[in-house]
Amino acid sequence: RSYAVKKSSRQLANKADFKRAVGEVQAYGHVGVHPHLVAYHTSWVEDDRLHIQLELCEGGSLAQQFLNGTGKTFCENDLLTVVAHTGAA
């Protein structure tokens, strides 16, 4: 099984940073399974950076989907679908 790992770009420099990182992980954990959200698996701190292991989305990121790899944007109906699914989450 393949996963994606989100690695924080900033180091956790102090307790406030660590608390913020823990809050993000707890938020993922409280959401649970949802058809329009990437599934959370686990997280850890390595080299003072937060790593979050998530379900791998084979279709790429939402930003990549917006550009469709061609530089073209979504049509209005596609955009409304994305907004509706995001709101439902």
C-alpha atoms as a PDB file:
ATOM      1  CA  ARG A   1       0.000   0.000   0.000  1.00  0.00           C
ATOM      2  CA  SER A   2       1.304   3.465  -0.884  1.00  0.00           C
ATOM      3  CA  TYR A   3       1.027   6.578   1.265  1.00  0.00           C
ATOM      4  CA  ALA A   4       1.859  10.256   1.030  1.00  0.00           C
ATOM      5  CA  VAL A   5       3.882  11.953   3.752  1.00  0.00           C
ATOM      6  CA  LYS A   6       3.324  15.633   4.461  1.00  0.00           C
ATOM      7  CA  LYS A   7       6.527  17.078   5.955  1.00  0.00           C
ATOM      8  CA  SER A   8       6.429  20.487   7.632  1.00  0.00           C
ATOM      9  CA  SER A   9       8.592  23.061   5.913  1.00  0.00           C
ATOM     10  CA  ARG A  10       9.494  24.693   9.228  1.00  0.00           C
ATOM     11  CA  GLN A  11      11.291  23.121  12.138  1.00  0.00           C
ATOM     12  CA  LEU A  12       9.410  22.917  15.412  1.00  0.00           C
ATOM     13  CA  ALA A  13      11.510  25.533  17.183  1.00  0.00           C
ATOM     14  CA  ASN A  14       9.640  25.839  20.480  1.00  0.00           C
ATOM     15  CA  LYS A  15       6.731  24.556  22.575  1.00  0.00           C
ATOM     16  CA  ALA A  16       4.244  26.797  20.742  1.00  0.00           C
ATOM     17  CA  ASP A  17       5.247  25.259  17.386  1.00  0.00           C
ATOM     18  CA  PHE A  18       4.976  21.771  18.836  1.00  0.00           C
ATOM     19  CA  LYS A  19       1.548  22.552  20.328  1.00  0.00           C
ATOM     20  CA  ARG A  20       0.340  23.866  16.945  1.00  0.00           C
ATOM     21  CA  ALA A  21       1.607  20.697  15.232  1.00  0.00           C
ATOM     22  CA  VAL A  22      -0.130  18.469  17.775  1.00  0.00           C
ATOM     23  CA  GLY A  23      -3.334  20.467  17.197  1.00  0.00           C
ATOM     24  CA  GLU A  24      -3.152  19.795  13.457  1.00  0.00           C
ATOM     25  CA  VAL A  25      -2.683  16.075  14.049  1.00  0.00           C
ATOM     26  CA  GLN A  26      -5.541  15.975  16.560  1.00  0.00           C
ATOM     27  CA  ALA A  27      -7.803  17.748  14.056  1.00  0.00           C
ATOM     28  CA  TYR A  28      -7.036  15.052  11.477  1.00  0.00           C
ATOM     29  CA  GLY A  29      -7.796  12.379  14.054  1.00  0.00           C
ATOM     30  CA  HIS A  30     -11.139  13.896  15.041  1.00  0.00           C
ATOM     31  CA  VAL A  31     -12.430  14.226  11.477  1.00  0.00           C
ATOM     32  CA  GLY A  32     -12.498  10.483  10.905  1.00  0.00           C
ATOM     33  CA  VAL A  33     -13.260   8.867   7.565  1.00  0.00           C
ATOM     34  CA  HIS A  34     -14.941  11.068   4.976  1.00  0.00           C
ATOM     35  CA  PRO A  35     -15.325  10.385   1.230  1.00  0.00           C
ATOM     36  CA  HIS A  36     -14.009  13.840   0.278  1.00  0.00           C
ATOM     37  CA  LEU A  37     -11.017  14.018   2.616  1.00  0.00           C
ATOM     38  CA  VAL A  38      -7.635  12.355   2.469  1.00  0.00           C
ATOM     39  CA  ALA A  39      -7.442   9.647   5.158  1.00  0.00           C
ATOM     40  CA  TYR A  40      -5.024  10.220   8.051  1.00  0.00           C
ATOM     41  CA  HIS A  41      -2.854   7.251   9.083  1.00  0.00           C
ATOM     42  CA  THR A  42      -0.188   8.378  11.559  1.00  0.00           C
ATOM     43  CA  SER A  43       2.249  11.153  12.392  1.00  0.00           C
ATOM     44  CA  TRP A  44       5.641  11.652  13.997  1.00  0.00           C
ATOM     45  CA  VAL A  45       8.359  14.226  14.612  1.00  0.00           C
ATOM     46  CA  GLU A  46      11.732  13.623  12.996  1.00  0.00           C
ATOM     47  CA  ASP A  47      14.601  16.125  12.840  1.00  0.00           C
ATOM     48  CA  ASP A  48      12.330  18.674  14.567  1.00  0.00           C
ATOM     49  CA  ARG A  49       9.810  18.513  11.699  1.00  0.00           C
ATOM     50  CA  LEU A  50       6.273  17.176  11.787  1.00  0.00           C
ATOM     51  CA  HIS A  51       5.546  14.311   9.368  1.00  0.00           C
ATOM     52  CA  ILE A  52       1.947  13.267   8.669  1.00  0.00           C
ATOM     53  CA  GLN A  53       1.291  10.017   6.814  1.00  0.00           C
ATOM     54  CA  LEU A  54      -1.836  10.262   4.650  1.00  0.00           C
ATOM     55  CA  GLU A  55      -3.711   8.284   2.049  1.00  0.00           C
ATOM     56  CA  LEU A  56      -2.061   8.641  -1.355  1.00  0.00           C
ATOM     57  CA  CYS A  57      -4.266  10.367  -3.929  1.00  0.00           C
ATOM     58  CA  GLU A  58      -3.252   8.928  -7.271  1.00  0.00           C
ATOM     59  CA  GLY A  59      -4.863  11.796  -9.190  1.00  0.00           C
ATOM     60  CA  GLY A  60      -2.511  14.423  -7.781  1.00  0.00           C
ATOM     61  CA  SER A  61      -3.251  17.479  -5.685  1.00  0.00           C
ATOM     62  CA  LEU A  62      -6.275  19.720  -5.958  1.00  0.00           C
ATOM     63  CA  ALA A  63      -4.023  22.414  -7.422  1.00  0.00           C
ATOM     64  CA  GLN A  64      -2.901  19.976 -10.123  1.00  0.00           C
ATOM     65  CA  GLN A  65      -6.517  19.089 -10.798  1.00  0.00           C
ATOM     66  CA  PHE A  66      -7.408  22.764 -11.157  1.00  0.00           C
ATOM     67  CA  LEU A  67      -4.782  23.098 -13.842  1.00  0.00           C
ATOM     68  CA  ASN A  68      -5.535  19.674 -15.354  1.00  0.00           C
ATOM     69  CA  GLY A  69      -1.877  19.541 -16.338  1.00  0.00           C
ATOM     70  CA  THR A  70      -2.675  21.764 -19.321  1.00  0.00           C
ATOM     71  CA  GLY A  71      -2.923  25.198 -17.749  1.00  0.00           C
ATOM     72  CA  LYS A  72      -6.694  25.201 -18.224  1.00  0.00           C
ATOM     73  CA  THR A  73      -8.977  25.887 -15.268  1.00  0.00           C
ATOM     74  CA  PHE A  74     -12.100  24.047 -14.113  1.00  0.00           C
ATOM     75  CA  CYS A  75     -15.397  24.814 -15.756  1.00  0.00           C
ATOM     76  CA  GLU A  76     -18.024  26.350 -13.464  1.00  0.00           C
ATOM     77  CA  ASN A  77     -19.836  23.039 -12.817  1.00  0.00           C
ATOM     78  CA  ASP A  78     -16.595  21.289 -11.813  1.00  0.00           C
ATOM     79  CA  LEU A  79     -15.707  24.140  -9.478  1.00  0.00           C
ATOM     80  CA  LEU A  80     -19.161  24.019  -7.860  1.00  0.00           C
ATOM     81  CA  THR A  81     -18.701  20.281  -7.276  1.00  0.00           C
ATOM     82  CA  VAL A  82     -15.334  20.837  -5.575  1.00  0.00           C
ATOM     83  CA  VAL A  83     -16.782  23.590  -3.381  1.00  0.00           C
ATOM     84  CA  ALA A  84     -19.786  21.425  -2.445  1.00  0.00           C
ATOM     85  CA  HIS A  85     -17.590  18.437  -1.523  1.00  0.00           C
ATOM     86  CA  THR A  86     -15.255  20.656   0.494  1.00  0.00           C
ATOM     87  CA  GLY A  87     -18.181  22.198   2.328  1.00  0.00           C
ATOM     88  CA  ALA A  88     -19.656  18.770   3.071  1.00  0.00           C
ATOM     89  CA  ALA A  89     -16.410  17.724   4.725  1.00  0.00           C
END
